[in-house]
Each structure stands twice: as structure tokens, then as C-alpha cells.
Amino acid sequence: MPPENSDTTFETTEFLLACYLRAKGVQYLTTKRLDEKRVVFVFQQPPEDILSSWLSATETVSARALHSAMNFFRDEMRGAA
């Protein structure tokens, strides 16, 4: 089952996209487990310019913020039910 997006939430199974969104300050809501190895990261709907920058690879983000987000989501994945 693919992630579903609405006008208010954005879901992704991509770890690096989730880290990027968190590093850019998009509000993280929860993690949902799909199976033993896959999770869905749920965010508030990000601004279109942030998603466009991700897709075109034109945005930079602080290495410290990205590293912090990676550690956060690794911990989330270990604890997702």
C-alpha cells in the first residue's frame, strides 16, 4: 500500500526525504510501520517550494540538521509499532 497524501498531511517511505523535510523544519507527525522493514513517515503538508527543491536537487541543508534528523528517524524506526 503506497503512502497517501492529503491537503494537510504528507507521507513518504523515503528515509532521506523524511530527513530532509525534518531538517527544513517541516512538522513531523508520526511514523507508521508497513511491515518488518518498511515505515511511512507522516508530516504536515510541506510548502511546495521545499518539495520542488528536493525533486530538482537545488536546495542545500545544514549537515548538522540532516545528521540530527537521520539519528531521530533511526530511533523512530526502531520504536515504530
C-alpha atoms as a PDB file:
ATOM      1  CA  MET A   1       0.000   0.000   0.000  1.00  0.00           C
ATOM      2  CA  PRO A   2       1.633   3.297  -1.081  1.00  0.00           C
ATOM      3  CA  PRO A   3       1.683   6.311   1.214  1.00  0.00           C
ATOM      4  CA  GLU A   4      -1.336   8.581   0.903  1.00  0.00           C
ATOM      5  CA  ASN A   5      -1.136  12.364   0.914  1.00  0.00           C
ATOM      6  CA  SER A   6      -3.898  14.823   1.704  1.00  0.00           C
ATOM      7  CA  ASP A   7      -4.181  18.592   1.798  1.00  0.00           C
ATOM      8  CA  THR A   8      -2.953  18.597   5.389  1.00  0.00           C
ATOM      9  CA  THR A   9      -0.514  15.678   5.593  1.00  0.00           C
ATOM     10  CA  PHE A  10       2.346  14.314   3.503  1.00  0.00           C
ATOM     11  CA  GLU A  11       3.568  10.721   3.748  1.00  0.00           C
ATOM     12  CA  THR A  12       6.747   9.164   2.418  1.00  0.00           C
ATOM     13  CA  THR A  13       8.630   5.893   2.752  1.00  0.00           C
ATOM     14  CA  GLU A  14      11.871   7.573   1.622  1.00  0.00           C
ATOM     15  CA  PHE A  15      14.254   7.872   4.560  1.00  0.00           C
ATOM     16  CA  LEU A  16      16.371  10.663   3.052  1.00  0.00           C
ATOM     17  CA  LEU A  17      13.331  12.713   2.033  1.00  0.00           C
ATOM     18  CA  ALA A  18      11.987  12.402   5.578  1.00  0.00           C
ATOM     19  CA  CYS A  19      15.344  13.570   6.948  1.00  0.00           C
ATOM     20  CA  TYR A  20      15.412  16.480   4.501  1.00  0.00           C
ATOM     21  CA  LEU A  21      11.887  17.571   5.456  1.00  0.00           C
ATOM     22  CA  ARG A  22      12.706  17.459   9.168  1.00  0.00           C
ATOM     23  CA  ALA A  23      15.969  19.349   8.585  1.00  0.00           C
ATOM     24  CA  LYS A  24      13.989  22.021   6.702  1.00  0.00           C
ATOM     25  CA  GLY A  25      11.630  22.401   9.651  1.00  0.00           C
ATOM     26  CA  VAL A  26       8.526  20.676   8.274  1.00  0.00           C
ATOM     27  CA  GLN A  27       6.416  19.446  11.196  1.00  0.00           C
ATOM     28  CA  TYR A  28       6.779  15.696  11.716  1.00  0.00           C
ATOM     29  CA  LEU A  29       3.647  13.928  12.976  1.00  0.00           C
ATOM     30  CA  THR A  30       4.258  10.180  13.299  1.00  0.00           C
ATOM     31  CA  THR A  31       5.770   7.008  11.884  1.00  0.00           C
ATOM     32  CA  LYS A  32       3.590   4.086  10.767  1.00  0.00           C
ATOM     33  CA  ARG A  33       5.001   0.588  10.307  1.00  0.00           C
ATOM     34  CA  LEU A  34       4.111  -1.083   6.974  1.00  0.00           C
ATOM     35  CA  ASP A  35       5.964  -4.356   7.577  1.00  0.00           C
ATOM     36  CA  GLU A  36       9.103  -5.586   9.327  1.00  0.00           C
ATOM     37  CA  LYS A  37      11.432  -3.479   7.178  1.00  0.00           C
ATOM     38  CA  ARG A  38       9.357  -0.519   5.974  1.00  0.00           C
ATOM     39  CA  VAL A  39       7.809   2.502   7.639  1.00  0.00           C
ATOM     40  CA  VAL A  40       5.883   5.561   6.489  1.00  0.00           C
ATOM     41  CA  PHE A  41       6.922   8.968   7.797  1.00  0.00           C
ATOM     42  CA  VAL A  42       3.995  11.373   8.185  1.00  0.00           C
ATOM     43  CA  PHE A  43       4.448  15.171   8.089  1.00  0.00           C
ATOM     44  CA  GLN A  44       2.291  18.247   7.884  1.00  0.00           C
ATOM     45  CA  GLN A  45       1.958  19.166   4.201  1.00  0.00           C
ATOM     46  CA  PRO A  46       5.263  20.900   3.321  1.00  0.00           C
ATOM     47  CA  PRO A  47       5.392  24.093   1.257  1.00  0.00           C
ATOM     48  CA  GLU A  48       5.541  23.365  -2.466  1.00  0.00           C
ATOM     49  CA  ASP A  49       8.920  25.097  -2.810  1.00  0.00           C
ATOM     50  CA  ILE A  50      10.530  22.642  -0.377  1.00  0.00           C
ATOM     51  CA  LEU A  51       9.259  19.643  -2.360  1.00  0.00           C
ATOM     52  CA  SER A  52      10.275  21.264  -5.651  1.00  0.00           C
ATOM     53  CA  SER A  53      13.763  21.913  -4.319  1.00  0.00           C
ATOM     54  CA  TRP A  54      14.044  18.258  -3.246  1.00  0.00           C
ATOM     55  CA  LEU A  55      12.913  16.974  -6.635  1.00  0.00           C
ATOM     56  CA  SER A  56      15.257  19.271  -8.563  1.00  0.00           C
ATOM     57  CA  ALA A  57      18.169  18.807  -6.118  1.00  0.00           C
ATOM     58  CA  THR A  58      18.669  22.579  -5.913  1.00  0.00           C
ATOM     59  CA  GLU A  59      18.423  23.042  -2.147  1.00  0.00           C
ATOM     60  CA  THR A  60      21.089  22.754   0.478  1.00  0.00           C
ATOM     61  CA  VAL A  61      20.546  21.891   4.098  1.00  0.00           C
ATOM     62  CA  SER A  62      22.761  22.100   7.159  1.00  0.00           C
ATOM     63  CA  ALA A  63      24.850  18.970   7.657  1.00  0.00           C
ATOM     64  CA  ARG A  64      24.200  19.189  11.388  1.00  0.00           C
ATOM     65  CA  ALA A  65      20.415  19.409  10.880  1.00  0.00           C
ATOM     66  CA  LEU A  66      20.474  16.489   8.434  1.00  0.00           C
ATOM     67  CA  HIS A  67      22.585  14.358  10.785  1.00  0.00           C
ATOM     68  CA  SER A  68      20.258  15.150  13.678  1.00  0.00           C
ATOM     69  CA  ALA A  69      17.224  14.196  11.560  1.00  0.00           C
ATOM     70  CA  MET A  70      18.873  10.919  10.498  1.00  0.00           C
ATOM     71  CA  ASN A  71      19.515   9.970  14.119  1.00  0.00           C
ATOM     72  CA  PHE A  72      15.972  10.943  15.085  1.00  0.00           C
ATOM     73  CA  PHE A  73      14.379   8.790  12.385  1.00  0.00           C
ATOM     74  CA  ARG A  74      16.629   5.816  13.046  1.00  0.00           C
ATOM     75  CA  ASP A  75      15.366   5.888  16.614  1.00  0.00           C
ATOM     76  CA  GLU A  76      11.778   6.297  15.362  1.00  0.00           C
ATOM     77  CA  MET A  77      12.112   3.275  13.072  1.00  0.00           C
ATOM     78  CA  ARG A  78      13.374   1.122  15.928  1.00  0.00           C
ATOM     79  CA  GLY A  79      10.384   2.124  18.052  1.00  0.00           C
ATOM     80  CA  ALA A  80       7.595   2.125  15.429  1.00  0.00           C
ATOM     81  CA  ALA A  81       4.954  -0.450  16.315  1.00  0.00           C
END
